[in-house]
C-alpha atoms as a PDB file:
ATOM      1  CA  UNK A   1     -56.264 -26.855 -69.547  1.00  0.00           C
ATOM      2  CA  UNK A   2     -54.844 -29.633 -70.564  1.00  0.00           C
ATOM      3  CA  UNK A   3     -53.105 -27.650 -73.492  1.00  0.00           C
ATOM      4  CA  UNK A   4     -51.669 -25.242 -71.233  1.00  0.00           C
ATOM      5  CA  UNK A   5     -50.518 -28.043 -68.594  1.00  0.00           C
ATOM      6  CA  UNK A   6     -48.489 -29.787 -71.842  1.00  0.00           C
ATOM      7  CA  UNK A   7     -46.659 -26.695 -72.918  1.00  0.00           C
ATOM      8  CA  UNK A   8     -44.264 -27.033 -69.742  1.00  0.00           C
ATOM      9  CA  UNK A   9     -42.598 -29.878 -70.059  1.00  0.00           C
ATOM     10  CA  UNK A  10     -39.074 -30.888 -69.583  1.00  0.00           C
ATOM     11  CA  UNK A  11     -36.996 -33.695 -71.330  1.00  0.00           C
ATOM     12  CA  UNK A  12     -36.259 -35.281 -68.153  1.00  0.00           C
ATOM     13  CA  UNK A  13     -38.532 -36.434 -65.610  1.00  0.00           C
ATOM     14  CA  UNK A  14     -37.988 -35.529 -61.879  1.00  0.00           C
ATOM     15  CA  UNK A  15     -38.516 -37.754 -58.922  1.00  0.00           C
ATOM     16  CA  UNK A  16     -40.288 -36.666 -56.322  1.00  0.00           C
ATOM     17  CA  UNK A  17     -40.974 -38.394 -53.268  1.00  0.00           C
ATOM     18  CA  UNK A  18     -43.588 -37.949 -50.585  1.00  0.00           C
ATOM     19  CA  UNK A  19     -46.445 -37.054 -52.518  1.00  0.00           C
ATOM     20  CA  UNK A  20     -48.914 -39.820 -51.568  1.00  0.00           C
ATOM     21  CA  UNK A  21     -50.234 -37.237 -48.708  1.00  0.00           C
ATOM     22  CA  UNK A  22     -50.829 -34.356 -51.108  1.00  0.00           C
ATOM     23  CA  UNK A  23     -52.493 -37.125 -53.985  1.00  0.00           C
ATOM     24  CA  UNK A  24     -54.714 -37.640 -50.786  1.00  0.00           C
ATOM     25  CA  UNK A  25     -55.877 -34.371 -50.673  1.00  0.00           C
ATOM     26  CA  UNK A  26     -56.191 -34.085 -54.442  1.00  0.00           C
ATOM     27  CA  UNK A  27     -53.511 -32.066 -55.557  1.00  0.00           C
ATOM     28  CA  UNK A  28     -50.952 -33.645 -58.059  1.00  0.00           C
ATOM     29  CA  UNK A  29     -47.386 -33.316 -58.773  1.00  0.00           C
ATOM     30  CA  UNK A  30     -44.767 -33.675 -61.056  1.00  0.00           C
ATOM     31  CA  UNK A  31     -41.300 -31.991 -62.268  1.00  0.00           C
ATOM     32  CA  UNK A  32     -39.104 -32.042 -65.396  1.00  0.00           C
ATOM     33  CA  UNK A  33     -36.395 -30.614 -66.496  1.00  0.00           C
ATOM     34  CA  UNK A  34     -34.436 -29.103 -69.716  1.00  0.00           C
ATOM     35  CA  UNK A  35     -30.772 -28.373 -69.377  1.00  0.00           C
ATOM     36  CA  UNK A  36     -30.948 -25.585 -66.271  1.00  0.00           C
ATOM     37  CA  UNK A  37     -34.556 -25.151 -66.909  1.00  0.00           C
ATOM     38  CA  UNK A  38     -36.836 -27.026 -64.214  1.00  0.00           C
ATOM     39  CA  UNK A  39     -40.661 -27.526 -64.489  1.00  0.00           C
ATOM     40  CA  UNK A  40     -42.904 -27.900 -61.288  1.00  0.00           C
ATOM     41  CA  UNK A  41     -46.530 -28.888 -62.477  1.00  0.00           C
ATOM     42  CA  UNK A  42     -49.457 -28.977 -59.492  1.00  0.00           C
ATOM     43  CA  UNK A  43     -52.797 -29.801 -59.719  1.00  0.00           C
ATOM     44  CA  UNK A  44     -55.345 -28.998 -57.010  1.00  0.00           C
ATOM     45  CA  UNK A  45     -58.577 -30.894 -58.139  1.00  0.00           C
ATOM     46  CA  UNK A  46     -60.260 -29.627 -55.159  1.00  0.00           C
ATOM     47  CA  UNK A  47     -62.599 -26.667 -54.365  1.00  0.00           C
ATOM     48  CA  UNK A  48     -60.684 -25.454 -51.824  1.00  0.00           C
ATOM     49  CA  UNK A  49     -57.785 -23.536 -51.517  1.00  0.00           C
ATOM     50  CA  UNK A  50     -54.836 -25.352 -50.519  1.00  0.00           C
ATOM     51  CA  UNK A  51     -51.458 -25.079 -48.895  1.00  0.00           C
ATOM     52  CA  UNK A  52     -48.504 -27.461 -49.852  1.00  0.00           C
ATOM     53  CA  UNK A  53     -45.651 -28.007 -48.228  1.00  0.00           C
ATOM     54  CA  UNK A  54     -42.775 -29.232 -50.695  1.00  0.00           C
ATOM     55  CA  UNK A  55     -39.454 -30.561 -50.647  1.00  0.00           C
ATOM     56  CA  UNK A  56     -37.374 -30.448 -53.761  1.00  0.00           C
ATOM     57  CA  UNK A  57     -33.957 -30.956 -53.613  1.00  0.00           C
ATOM     58  CA  UNK A  58     -32.615 -29.862 -56.725  1.00  0.00           C
ATOM     59  CA  UNK A  59     -34.664 -25.998 -56.025  1.00  0.00           C
ATOM     60  CA  UNK A  60     -33.471 -24.085 -53.017  1.00  0.00           C
ATOM     61  CA  UNK A  61     -35.970 -22.366 -50.924  1.00  0.00           C
ATOM     62  CA  UNK A  62     -35.001 -18.756 -51.719  1.00  0.00           C
ATOM     63  CA  UNK A  63     -34.697 -20.298 -55.808  1.00  0.00           C
ATOM     64  CA  UNK A  64     -36.361 -17.187 -58.416  1.00  0.00           C
ATOM     65  CA  UNK A  65     -39.316 -18.966 -59.744  1.00  0.00           C
ATOM     66  CA  UNK A  66     -41.984 -17.886 -62.544  1.00  0.00           C
ATOM     67  CA  UNK A  67     -45.370 -19.205 -61.203  1.00  0.00           C
ATOM     68  CA  UNK A  68     -48.189 -18.995 -64.136  1.00  0.00           C
ATOM     69  CA  UNK A  69     -51.429 -20.136 -62.638  1.00  0.00           C
ATOM     70  CA  UNK A  70     -54.576 -20.951 -64.444  1.00  0.00           C
ATOM     71  CA  UNK A  71     -57.622 -21.209 -62.197  1.00  0.00           C
ATOM     72  CA  UNK A  72     -61.710 -21.613 -62.534  1.00  0.00           C
ATOM     73  CA  UNK A  73     -64.715 -23.305 -61.319  1.00  0.00           C
ATOM     74  CA  UNK A  74     -65.296 -26.692 -62.587  1.00  0.00           C
ATOM     75  CA  UNK A  75     -68.269 -25.093 -64.992  1.00  0.00           C
ATOM     76  CA  UNK A  76     -66.072 -22.524 -66.163  1.00  0.00           C
ATOM     77  CA  UNK A  77     -64.484 -22.218 -69.717  1.00  0.00           C
ATOM     78  CA  UNK A  78     -63.762 -19.292 -72.429  1.00  0.00           C
ATOM     79  CA  UNK A  79     -66.235 -18.959 -74.918  1.00  0.00           C
ATOM     80  CA  UNK A  80     -66.866 -16.826 -78.072  1.00  0.00           C
ATOM     81  CA  UNK A  81     -68.579 -14.027 -76.005  1.00  0.00           C
ATOM     82  CA  UNK A  82     -66.296 -14.962 -72.563  1.00  0.00           C
ATOM     83  CA  UNK A  83     -62.961 -15.461 -73.670  1.00  0.00           C
ATOM     84  CA  UNK A  84     -60.787 -14.266 -71.257  1.00  0.00           C
ATOM     85  CA  UNK A  85     -62.862 -15.930 -68.467  1.00  0.00           C
ATOM     86  CA  UNK A  86     -60.055 -18.323 -67.151  1.00  0.00           C
ATOM     87  CA  UNK A  87     -56.468 -16.835 -68.421  1.00  0.00           C
ATOM     88  CA  UNK A  88     -52.649 -17.745 -66.849  1.00  0.00           C
ATOM     89  CA  UNK A  89     -51.667 -15.233 -64.226  1.00  0.00           C
ATOM     90  CA  UNK A  90     -48.313 -14.870 -64.113  1.00  0.00           C
ATOM     91  CA  UNK A  91     -45.921 -13.691 -61.016  1.00  0.00           C
ATOM     92  CA  UNK A  92     -42.644 -13.641 -60.591  1.00  0.00           C
ATOM     93  CA  UNK A  93     -41.581 -14.978 -56.909  1.00  0.00           C
ATOM     94  CA  UNK A  94     -39.018 -17.005 -54.290  1.00  0.00           C
ATOM     95  CA  UNK A  95     -39.853 -20.699 -54.649  1.00  0.00           C
ATOM     96  CA  UNK A  96     -40.394 -20.267 -50.719  1.00  0.00           C
ATOM     97  CA  UNK A  97     -43.825 -18.174 -51.316  1.00  0.00           C
ATOM     98  CA  UNK A  98     -45.600 -20.353 -53.598  1.00  0.00           C
ATOM     99  CA  UNK A  99     -46.960 -22.625 -51.544  1.00  0.00           C
ATOM    100  CA  UNK A 100     -50.819 -21.690 -51.584  1.00  0.00           C
ATOM    101  CA  UNK A 101     -52.588 -23.348 -54.327  1.00  0.00           C
ATOM    102  CA  UNK A 102     -56.213 -22.110 -55.428  1.00  0.00           C
ATOM    103  CA  UNK A 103     -59.196 -24.273 -56.172  1.00  0.00           C
ATOM    104  CA  UNK A 104     -59.603 -26.508 -59.095  1.00  0.00           C
ATOM    105  CA  UNK A 105     -56.307 -25.028 -60.388  1.00  0.00           C
ATOM    106  CA  UNK A 106     -53.288 -25.921 -62.674  1.00  0.00           C
ATOM    107  CA  UNK A 107     -49.637 -24.249 -61.254  1.00  0.00           C
ATOM    108  CA  UNK A 108     -46.072 -24.467 -63.303  1.00  0.00           C
ATOM    109  CA  UNK A 109     -43.626 -22.829 -61.683  1.00  0.00           C
ATOM    110  CA  UNK A 110     -40.430 -22.025 -63.841  1.00  0.00           C
ATOM    111  CA  UNK A 111     -36.628 -22.072 -62.699  1.00  0.00           C
ATOM    112  CA  UNK A 112     -33.542 -21.368 -64.170  1.00  0.00           C
END
């Protein structure tokens, strides 16, 4: 997951306010930008699925987004015999439809 997380990083960090309550629930958020492309990364460290309410002043609610997510149990890993136990799932959605985070997941939202 660390490699996956590091692939989607912009050149400029964007400041997100009000994420302290999410962090108390085990959800960590970061945002960055390269040109017009915005990368919003969400990590759910809880085993439970969570619904988040994000307020991002630089992203409109009806903006088109590519959602790429990895999730699995804490003990899951890819091996030679099970090389695709944890694989990224990609969807095209609107930002307003990207509120649910599976347990133990890393989600990247790509805009622009």
